[in-house]
């Protein structure tokens, strides 16, 4: 089991961290965690509620399976819309395919104007390792 999963962009200062899983260190799947989006000048966090943690795990497994590319954007939204992940296959860069993950954090869904966005660029070849880490983090 992992205490956190860190998505560090290969092209920008943005970092997305999933941490503080609840329940911690047990055999039951995670029902909430903290998502933190960081840049050089700011940090925004929100609690993410999971009705079915396998949906988030399957989202990343599907990205890993299709690491060589896909045509349409792939998206995952948390049950209360606190976080949205939207992934686009950008193509090859320096012989390594890149995935552009747009992250939107809305700490209070009643105030959507306070949504913060960031871009995380990931090497497509690393999606399998990310999916594996995420399953451990979610206790699946």
C-alpha atoms as a PDB file:
ATOM      1  CA  UNK A   1       0.000   0.000   0.000  1.00  0.00           C
ATOM      2  CA  UNK A   2       1.203   3.484  -0.840  1.00  0.00           C
ATOM      3  CA  UNK A   3       0.689   6.726   1.055  1.00  0.00           C
ATOM      4  CA  UNK A   4       0.775   8.869  -2.090  1.00  0.00           C
ATOM      5  CA  UNK A   5       0.995   8.915  -5.871  1.00  0.00           C
ATOM      6  CA  UNK A   6       2.799  11.823  -7.530  1.00  0.00           C
ATOM      7  CA  UNK A   7       2.247  12.895 -11.134  1.00  0.00           C
ATOM      8  CA  UNK A   8       5.165  15.165 -12.064  1.00  0.00           C
ATOM      9  CA  UNK A   9       4.967  16.957 -15.378  1.00  0.00           C
ATOM     10  CA  UNK A  10       7.903  16.472 -17.736  1.00  0.00           C
ATOM     11  CA  UNK A  11       7.316  19.906 -19.356  1.00  0.00           C
ATOM     12  CA  UNK A  12       5.956  22.247 -16.694  1.00  0.00           C
ATOM     13  CA  UNK A  13       6.252  23.011 -12.983  1.00  0.00           C
ATOM     14  CA  UNK A  14       2.867  21.420 -12.268  1.00  0.00           C
ATOM     15  CA  UNK A  15       2.658  18.429  -9.975  1.00  0.00           C
ATOM     16  CA  UNK A  16      -0.464  16.504  -8.967  1.00  0.00           C
ATOM     17  CA  UNK A  17      -0.336  14.465  -5.766  1.00  0.00           C
ATOM     18  CA  UNK A  18      -2.897  11.989  -4.450  1.00  0.00           C
ATOM     19  CA  UNK A  19      -2.346  11.539  -0.692  1.00  0.00           C
ATOM     20  CA  UNK A  20      -4.030  10.959   2.653  1.00  0.00           C
ATOM     21  CA  UNK A  21      -6.056   7.885   1.629  1.00  0.00           C
ATOM     22  CA  UNK A  22      -8.987   7.001   3.869  1.00  0.00           C
ATOM     23  CA  UNK A  23      -9.179   4.431   5.285  1.00  0.00           C
ATOM     24  CA  UNK A  24      -5.387   4.320   5.615  1.00  0.00           C
ATOM     25  CA  UNK A  25      -3.308   1.135   5.544  1.00  0.00           C
ATOM     26  CA  UNK A  26      -6.068  -1.443   5.463  1.00  0.00           C
ATOM     27  CA  UNK A  27      -7.592  -4.004   3.159  1.00  0.00           C
ATOM     28  CA  UNK A  28     -10.695  -1.913   2.416  1.00  0.00           C
ATOM     29  CA  UNK A  29     -10.641   0.207  -0.758  1.00  0.00           C
ATOM     30  CA  UNK A  30     -10.000   3.912  -0.365  1.00  0.00           C
ATOM     31  CA  UNK A  31     -13.166   6.028  -0.139  1.00  0.00           C
ATOM     32  CA  UNK A  32     -11.530   9.485   0.034  1.00  0.00           C
ATOM     33  CA  UNK A  33      -8.140  11.029  -0.630  1.00  0.00           C
ATOM     34  CA  UNK A  34      -6.597  14.465  -0.968  1.00  0.00           C
ATOM     35  CA  UNK A  35      -5.693  15.768  -4.424  1.00  0.00           C
ATOM     36  CA  UNK A  36      -3.110  18.561  -4.465  1.00  0.00           C
ATOM     37  CA  UNK A  37      -2.150  20.529  -7.560  1.00  0.00           C
ATOM     38  CA  UNK A  38       1.082  22.543  -7.259  1.00  0.00           C
ATOM     39  CA  UNK A  39       2.854  25.126  -9.341  1.00  0.00           C
ATOM     40  CA  UNK A  40       5.872  27.271  -8.479  1.00  0.00           C
ATOM     41  CA  UNK A  41       3.677  30.007  -6.989  1.00  0.00           C
ATOM     42  CA  UNK A  42       0.586  28.244  -5.629  1.00  0.00           C
ATOM     43  CA  UNK A  43      -0.849  25.076  -4.087  1.00  0.00           C
ATOM     44  CA  UNK A  44      -4.513  24.000  -4.168  1.00  0.00           C
ATOM     45  CA  UNK A  45      -5.953  20.920  -2.435  1.00  0.00           C
ATOM     46  CA  UNK A  46      -9.342  19.281  -2.245  1.00  0.00           C
ATOM     47  CA  UNK A  47     -10.798  16.088  -0.801  1.00  0.00           C
ATOM     48  CA  UNK A  48     -11.897  13.603  -3.458  1.00  0.00           C
ATOM     49  CA  UNK A  49     -14.731  11.190  -2.686  1.00  0.00           C
ATOM     50  CA  UNK A  50     -14.806   7.836  -4.459  1.00  0.00           C
ATOM     51  CA  UNK A  51     -18.032   5.902  -4.828  1.00  0.00           C
ATOM     52  CA  UNK A  52     -16.226   3.151  -6.679  1.00  0.00           C
ATOM     53  CA  UNK A  53     -12.403   3.396  -6.531  1.00  0.00           C
ATOM     54  CA  UNK A  54     -12.027   0.813  -9.295  1.00  0.00           C
ATOM     55  CA  UNK A  55     -13.336   3.404 -11.813  1.00  0.00           C
ATOM     56  CA  UNK A  56     -10.298   5.627 -11.244  1.00  0.00           C
ATOM     57  CA  UNK A  57      -7.983   2.616 -11.407  1.00  0.00           C
ATOM     58  CA  UNK A  58      -9.617   1.432 -14.661  1.00  0.00           C
ATOM     59  CA  UNK A  59      -9.221   4.921 -16.138  1.00  0.00           C
ATOM     60  CA  UNK A  60      -5.438   4.765 -15.700  1.00  0.00           C
ATOM     61  CA  UNK A  61      -5.277   1.110 -16.771  1.00  0.00           C
ATOM     62  CA  UNK A  62      -7.060   2.055 -20.020  1.00  0.00           C
ATOM     63  CA  UNK A  63      -4.524   4.841 -20.601  1.00  0.00           C
ATOM     64  CA  UNK A  64      -1.678   2.385 -19.993  1.00  0.00           C
ATOM     65  CA  UNK A  65      -3.196  -0.183 -22.358  1.00  0.00           C
ATOM     66  CA  UNK A  66      -3.471   2.446 -25.104  1.00  0.00           C
ATOM     67  CA  UNK A  67      -0.039   4.002 -24.439  1.00  0.00           C
ATOM     68  CA  UNK A  68       0.701   4.070 -28.182  1.00  0.00           C
ATOM     69  CA  UNK A  69      -2.166   6.467 -28.798  1.00  0.00           C
ATOM     70  CA  UNK A  70      -5.889   7.100 -29.002  1.00  0.00           C
ATOM     71  CA  UNK A  71      -8.081   9.491 -30.989  1.00  0.00           C
ATOM     72  CA  UNK A  72     -10.636  10.961 -28.590  1.00  0.00           C
ATOM     73  CA  UNK A  73      -9.946  12.607 -25.197  1.00  0.00           C
ATOM     74  CA  UNK A  74     -10.394  10.330 -22.181  1.00  0.00           C
ATOM     75  CA  UNK A  75     -11.910  11.810 -19.053  1.00  0.00           C
ATOM     76  CA  UNK A  76     -12.586  10.893 -15.424  1.00  0.00           C
ATOM     77  CA  UNK A  77     -14.628  13.064 -13.036  1.00  0.00           C
ATOM     78  CA  UNK A  78     -14.955  12.403  -9.322  1.00  0.00           C
ATOM     79  CA  UNK A  79     -18.418  11.763  -7.909  1.00  0.00           C
ATOM     80  CA  UNK A  80     -18.775  15.285  -6.487  1.00  0.00           C
ATOM     81  CA  UNK A  81     -16.832  16.968  -9.304  1.00  0.00           C
ATOM     82  CA  UNK A  82     -13.942  17.991  -7.076  1.00  0.00           C
ATOM     83  CA  UNK A  83     -11.450  16.778  -9.655  1.00  0.00           C
ATOM     84  CA  UNK A  84     -11.562  16.255 -13.398  1.00  0.00           C
ATOM     85  CA  UNK A  85      -8.809  14.474 -15.307  1.00  0.00           C
ATOM     86  CA  UNK A  86      -8.900  14.842 -19.095  1.00  0.00           C
ATOM     87  CA  UNK A  87      -6.199  13.095 -21.110  1.00  0.00           C
ATOM     88  CA  UNK A  88      -5.231  13.684 -24.724  1.00  0.00           C
ATOM     89  CA  UNK A  89      -2.625  11.699 -26.601  1.00  0.00           C
ATOM     90  CA  UNK A  90      -0.203  14.297 -27.880  1.00  0.00           C
ATOM     91  CA  UNK A  91       1.955  12.066 -30.041  1.00  0.00           C
ATOM     92  CA  UNK A  92       5.634  11.409 -30.081  1.00  0.00           C
ATOM     93  CA  UNK A  93       8.208  13.787 -28.706  1.00  0.00           C
ATOM     94  CA  UNK A  94      11.874  12.810 -28.678  1.00  0.00           C
ATOM     95  CA  UNK A  95      10.823   9.281 -29.675  1.00  0.00           C
ATOM     96  CA  UNK A  96       8.632   8.968 -26.578  1.00  0.00           C
ATOM     97  CA  UNK A  97       4.846   9.414 -26.810  1.00  0.00           C
ATOM     98  CA  UNK A  98       3.447  12.077 -24.476  1.00  0.00           C
ATOM     99  CA  UNK A  99       0.058  12.300 -22.767  1.00  0.00           C
ATOM    100  CA  UNK A 100      -1.320  15.715 -21.840  1.00  0.00           C
ATOM    101  CA  UNK A 101      -3.409  15.467 -18.655  1.00  0.00           C
ATOM    102  CA  UNK A 102      -5.531  18.499 -17.891  1.00  0.00           C
ATOM    103  CA  UNK A 103      -6.331  18.670 -14.173  1.00  0.00           C
ATOM    104  CA  UNK A 104      -9.197  20.742 -12.787  1.00  0.00           C
ATOM    105  CA  UNK A 105      -9.613  21.033  -9.019  1.00  0.00           C
ATOM    106  CA  UNK A 106     -12.812  22.503  -7.592  1.00  0.00           C
ATOM    107  CA  UNK A 107     -12.520  22.629  -3.795  1.00  0.00           C
ATOM    108  CA  UNK A 108     -16.162  23.781  -3.528  1.00  0.00           C
ATOM    109  CA  UNK A 109     -18.506  22.611  -6.337  1.00  0.00           C
ATOM    110  CA  UNK A 110     -20.949  25.353  -5.284  1.00  0.00           C
ATOM    111  CA  UNK A 111     -18.315  27.863  -6.402  1.00  0.00           C
ATOM    112  CA  UNK A 112     -17.165  26.580  -9.817  1.00  0.00           C
ATOM    113  CA  UNK A 113     -15.592  29.962 -10.540  1.00  0.00           C
ATOM    114  CA  UNK A 114     -12.851  28.978  -8.065  1.00  0.00           C
ATOM    115  CA  UNK A 115     -11.744  26.005 -10.152  1.00  0.00           C
ATOM    116  CA  UNK A 116      -7.975  25.790 -10.632  1.00  0.00           C
ATOM    117  CA  UNK A 117      -6.453  24.114 -13.669  1.00  0.00           C
ATOM    118  CA  UNK A 118      -3.047  22.747 -14.514  1.00  0.00           C
ATOM    119  CA  UNK A 119      -1.396  20.668 -17.212  1.00  0.00           C
ATOM    120  CA  UNK A 120       0.584  17.555 -16.421  1.00  0.00           C
ATOM    121  CA  UNK A 121       2.609  16.074 -19.267  1.00  0.00           C
ATOM    122  CA  UNK A 122       3.385  12.387 -18.794  1.00  0.00           C
ATOM    123  CA  UNK A 123       5.490   9.958 -20.804  1.00  0.00           C
ATOM    124  CA  UNK A 124       3.042   7.449 -22.246  1.00  0.00           C
ATOM    125  CA  UNK A 125       5.543   4.658 -21.610  1.00  0.00           C
ATOM    126  CA  UNK A 126       5.244   5.330 -17.850  1.00  0.00           C
ATOM    127  CA  UNK A 127       1.449   4.961 -17.694  1.00  0.00           C
ATOM    128  CA  UNK A 128       1.661   1.275 -16.766  1.00  0.00           C
ATOM    129  CA  UNK A 129       3.780   2.051 -13.694  1.00  0.00           C
ATOM    130  CA  UNK A 130       1.412   4.882 -12.734  1.00  0.00           C
ATOM    131  CA  UNK A 131      -1.611   2.574 -13.029  1.00  0.00           C
ATOM    132  CA  UNK A 132       0.153  -0.018 -10.839  1.00  0.00           C
ATOM    133  CA  UNK A 133       1.012   2.575  -8.174  1.00  0.00           C
ATOM    134  CA  UNK A 134      -2.532   3.934  -8.212  1.00  0.00           C
ATOM    135  CA  UNK A 135      -4.028   0.475  -7.611  1.00  0.00           C
ATOM    136  CA  UNK A 136      -1.755   0.051  -4.579  1.00  0.00           C
ATOM    137  CA  UNK A 137      -2.695   3.529  -3.325  1.00  0.00           C
ATOM    138  CA  UNK A 138      -6.439   2.729  -3.665  1.00  0.00           C
ATOM    139  CA  UNK A 139      -5.951  -0.630  -1.856  1.00  0.00           C
ATOM    140  CA  UNK A 140      -7.161  -2.619  -4.850  1.00  0.00           C
END
